Structures are given as structure tokens and as C-alpha cells.
């Protein structure tokens, strides 16, 4: 049975083929850097073995379907530089396997769901260049596994959750004010940004 499908960096066009949902043993799916259009079909909910999903740099649109969050083994989700709209599915945070989420350079709106912090293994969270607004959830201060966070070029406001001050390494880019904090316990540098409007 097919468990790996890499078709990245081609000139593939047309809508995202829902038939891919029939490849139930697939572990890695990479169709990035093409010209696919349409929405992510809910048929992908059948990919229960999927670990890697790379769909970045296409022309996909619509909302990110909640069924993506229900893939029980998914660890890496890269959907950046498409035209996705709507809000970030709150169910993404319920997936305890996810290590990396990159939804940057889309047209996502709304608040950042506090449930994104509920995953036990999330290390990389990139929401750069969208239309997200409001404060960072206080729960983000409890995200001890996060090592890389990028949320610049949005419309975030409010203060930074104090818990970020004791993260091992939280990196913020495209910020208005950058402060370096020396943590003597970890001997690591943190870069924090002022998200006030």
C-alpha cells in the first residue's frame, strides 16, 4: 500500500483531488509548490495514518476543515501561502500529536483559539501574515513545549502572557519593540515583542 506521496514543486493544476482520501495507509503527503485550487476536501478525514501534510504555496481557499484536526497521527501541518479564510479551527489544539503548525500568509481572521495550547507536543506555531486580532490567550503562558512562535503581521493587541517569560525559547518576529531577556536558569535568550496596538 502507498504510504508516501511527494508531488511538490511541479505545475499541477485543478482542484484538490478528493480521491486522495482513499489512500488510507498514507503517512506523508506533500503537494506543496503547485497551482492547486479549491478547498481541502473532507475526504482527507480517512487518512488515519497521516503524519505529514504539506500543502503550502498553492491557491487553495475556503476554511480549514476541522477534520484535519481529527487525524490521530498528524504531527506536521503546513498550509502556508494559500488563500484560506475563516477562523483557525479550535480543534487543532486538541490533537496531541501535532508538533508543527504553519498557517502563515493566508487570510485567516478571528481570535487565536486558546485550545492551540492544549496539545502536549506542539513546538512550532507560525501564524504570521494573516488578519488575526485580539489578545493572546492567557493559556499560552502554559505552553512549555513551544520553541518557535511567529505571529507578526497580524492585528494582535493586549499584553504578552507572563508564562512566556519562562519558556525556554520563544521567538517573535516583525515586532514593534523587541526585548531580549536573559534567563539565568536556562542560559538561553528569549525574544519578546510588544503586541499593544
Foldseek 3Di string as FASTA:
>chain_A
DDAEDAQDDDADEEEDDLCVLVPQNHAEDAHAHYAHEEEDDLSVLSNLNYAYDHHDDYAYEEAHDPSVLVNQRHAEAHHDQYAYEEADPLSVLVRQRHAEDAHAHYAYEEEDHLSVLNHPRHAYEEHYAYAYEEEDDLSVLVNQRYAEYEHPNYHYADADRPSVLPHLEYEYPPAPDWDWDQDVVNRHIYIDHHNHD
